[in-house]
Protein backbone atom coordinates (compact mmCIF):
# COMPACT_ATOMS: atom_id res chain seq x y z
CA MET A 1 121.49 49.57 141.05
CA SER A 2 119.84 49.63 144.14
CA THR A 3 119.84 47.53 147.74
CA ASP A 4 116.25 46.71 147.62
CA ILE A 5 114.38 46.68 144.23
CA ARG A 6 110.73 46.01 143.65
CA PRO A 7 108.74 44.86 140.57
CA VAL A 8 106.67 47.55 138.90
CA PHE A 9 102.80 46.40 138.75
CA PRO A 10 101.51 46.85 135.18
CA LYS A 11 99.15 49.73 136.50
CA GLU A 12 102.19 51.58 137.82
CA SER A 13 103.98 50.90 134.70
CA LEU A 14 101.04 52.38 132.67
CA LEU A 15 100.83 55.53 135.12
CA ILE A 16 105.26 55.91 134.37
CA GLY A 17 104.29 55.74 130.27
CA ILE A 18 102.02 58.51 130.89
CA ILE A 19 104.14 60.57 133.16
CA LEU A 20 107.63 59.57 130.57
CA ASN A 21 105.12 60.81 128.09
CA GLU A 22 105.50 57.91 125.90
CA LYS A 23 103.79 57.82 122.28
CA ASN A 24 101.82 54.66 123.73
CA PRO A 25 101.91 54.42 127.58
CA LEU A 26 101.10 50.68 127.26
CA ALA A 27 104.12 49.97 125.63
CA LEU A 28 106.14 49.57 129.15
CA GLN A 29 103.66 46.84 129.79
CA LYS A 30 106.67 44.20 128.67
CA SER A 31 109.31 45.66 129.74
CA SER A 32 111.37 44.88 132.52
CA ALA A 33 110.45 47.19 135.03
CA TRP A 34 111.64 47.79 139.27
CA ASN A 35 111.59 50.68 141.60
CA GLY A 36 114.55 51.24 143.85
CA SER A 37 116.43 53.81 145.89
CA GLY A 38 114.11 56.33 144.43
CA SER A 39 114.67 55.37 141.20
CA TYR A 40 113.19 52.84 138.36
CA ILE A 41 115.18 50.57 136.04
CA ILE A 42 113.25 49.99 133.15
CA ASP A 43 115.09 47.49 130.66
CA GLY A 44 118.54 47.98 132.62
CA LYS A 45 118.19 52.01 132.08
CA LYS A 46 117.68 54.08 135.21
CA ILE A 47 115.29 56.59 135.33
CA SER A 48 114.47 59.12 137.65
CA ILE A 49 111.15 60.59 138.37
CA SER A 50 110.79 62.98 141.33
CA ALA A 51 107.24 62.34 143.50
CA THR A 52 108.06 65.84 144.82
CA LYS A 53 107.53 67.51 141.17
CA LEU A 54 104.91 65.15 140.71
CA ASN A 55 103.51 66.34 143.68
CA SER A 56 103.42 69.88 142.48
CA LEU A 57 101.91 69.79 139.07
CA PRO A 58 98.99 71.80 138.49
CA LEU A 59 95.56 70.34 139.19
CA GLU A 60 94.67 70.49 135.43
CA GLU A 61 98.00 68.28 134.95
CA ILE A 62 97.18 66.06 136.89
CA ILE A 63 93.62 65.59 135.94
CA LYS A 64 94.82 65.20 132.28
CA ILE A 65 97.00 62.46 133.36
CA LYS A 66 94.59 60.68 135.30
CA ARG A 67 92.11 61.25 132.50
CA GLN A 68 94.88 59.22 130.69
CA TYR A 69 95.39 56.38 132.81
CA ASP A 70 91.62 55.81 132.81
CA LEU A 71 91.50 55.80 129.09
CA TYR A 72 94.34 52.71 129.23
CA VAL A 73 93.84 51.16 132.27
CA ASP A 74 91.01 48.58 131.20
CA GLN A 75 93.56 47.55 128.02
CA ILE A 76 96.42 46.36 130.45
CA ASP A 77 97.68 42.65 129.81
CA MET A 78 98.62 40.91 132.71
CA ASN A 79 100.18 37.78 130.78
CA PHE A 80 103.25 39.21 130.49
CA PHE A 81 103.68 40.39 134.09
CA ASP A 82 102.34 36.84 135.07
CA THR A 83 105.15 35.18 132.89
CA VAL A 84 107.35 37.03 134.48
CA LYS A 85 106.34 36.61 138.15
CA ARG A 86 106.02 32.92 137.91
CA LYS A 87 109.82 32.72 136.50
CA PHE A 88 110.95 35.13 139.30
CA VAL A 89 109.54 32.74 141.88
CA GLU A 90 110.72 29.85 140.40
CA ILE A 91 114.05 31.18 140.11
CA ASN A 92 114.06 32.08 143.88
CA ARG A 93 112.44 28.74 144.92
CA VAL A 94 115.55 28.08 146.43
CA ARG A 95 116.39 31.10 148.70
CA TYR A 96 112.93 31.75 149.24
CA ASP A 97 112.52 28.12 151.01
CA GLU A 98 115.58 28.81 152.84
CA ILE A 99 114.79 31.73 154.60
CA ASN A 100 111.54 30.54 155.38
CA ASP A 101 112.85 27.63 157.13
CA GLU A 102 115.29 29.73 158.91
CA GLY A 103 111.87 31.95 159.82
CA ILE A 104 110.15 28.88 161.23
CA ARG A 105 113.22 27.47 163.17
CA TYR A 106 113.75 30.68 165.12
CA ILE A 107 109.99 30.99 166.12
CA ARG A 108 110.05 27.11 167.08
CA SER A 109 113.16 27.88 168.99
CA PHE A 110 111.07 29.85 171.98
CA LEU A 111 108.82 26.66 172.55
CA ASP A 112 111.97 26.08 174.64
CA LYS A 113 111.29 28.90 176.58
CA TYR A 114 107.82 29.60 176.41
CA SER A 115 104.02 27.56 175.40
CA ILE A 116 102.29 28.34 172.34
CA ASP A 117 99.52 30.00 174.43
CA GLU A 118 102.06 32.66 176.19
CA MET A 119 103.06 33.72 172.50
CA PHE A 120 101.19 36.45 170.27
CA VAL A 121 102.56 38.78 167.00
CA SER A 122 101.97 41.65 166.98
CA PHE A 123 99.71 42.56 163.72
CA SER A 124 99.29 45.71 161.80
CA GLY A 125 97.98 44.52 158.82
CA GLY A 126 100.90 45.43 156.51
CA LYS A 127 103.08 43.25 154.53
CA ASP A 128 105.35 42.72 157.03
CA SER A 129 103.26 41.69 159.84
CA THR A 130 101.42 39.53 157.71
CA VAL A 131 104.75 37.67 156.56
CA VAL A 132 105.57 36.95 160.44
CA SER A 133 101.94 36.22 161.22
CA HIS A 134 101.96 33.79 157.97
CA LEU A 135 105.17 32.35 159.62
CA VAL A 136 104.34 32.37 163.30
CA THR A 137 100.81 30.56 162.35
CA LYS A 138 102.72 27.95 160.29
CA ALA A 139 105.67 27.09 162.92
CA LEU A 140 103.09 26.76 165.71
CA ALA A 141 100.52 24.79 164.03
CA LEU A 142 103.65 22.26 162.79
CA ALA A 143 104.77 22.53 166.53
CA ARG A 144 101.12 21.53 167.58
CA TYR A 145 100.76 18.82 165.17
CA TYR A 146 104.41 17.30 166.50
CA ILE A 147 103.43 17.73 169.99
CA PHE A 148 100.37 15.69 169.39
CA LEU A 149 102.48 12.99 167.47
CA VAL A 150 104.34 12.41 170.42
CA ILE A 151 101.36 12.49 172.84
CA GLN A 152 99.70 9.93 170.65
CA HIS A 153 102.57 7.51 170.94
């Protein structure tokens, strides 16, 4: 399948439905849709959509796709996606917690070498630095709390 997949969000699945020339572009809204390694996996079937090919379409074709998208976008029902998202998070909760705890322990291990005031996070605003920033904040906030408790006793 793929080594790194991500869910296809409802607006993207609408766009895929339009590109694939589905009779009802909203039909994919209730499909299992994932993207990885340059392909889509929709209900277990691998589908290739070439970004290069799409980018080379004449402007008139792109405008046509955009008009069709605008026609359907307000009809997207988020309920199915939200249900799948909740199930996905719950199914992966144990692994998520393990990875989260591992990251926090790793960050705290630097407290042996550096003070909290000597640490910083390079933050670009992207998803990776957002996650790292969150973990560092969580790890060091807990560290400050534990240090406070030790000093109080």
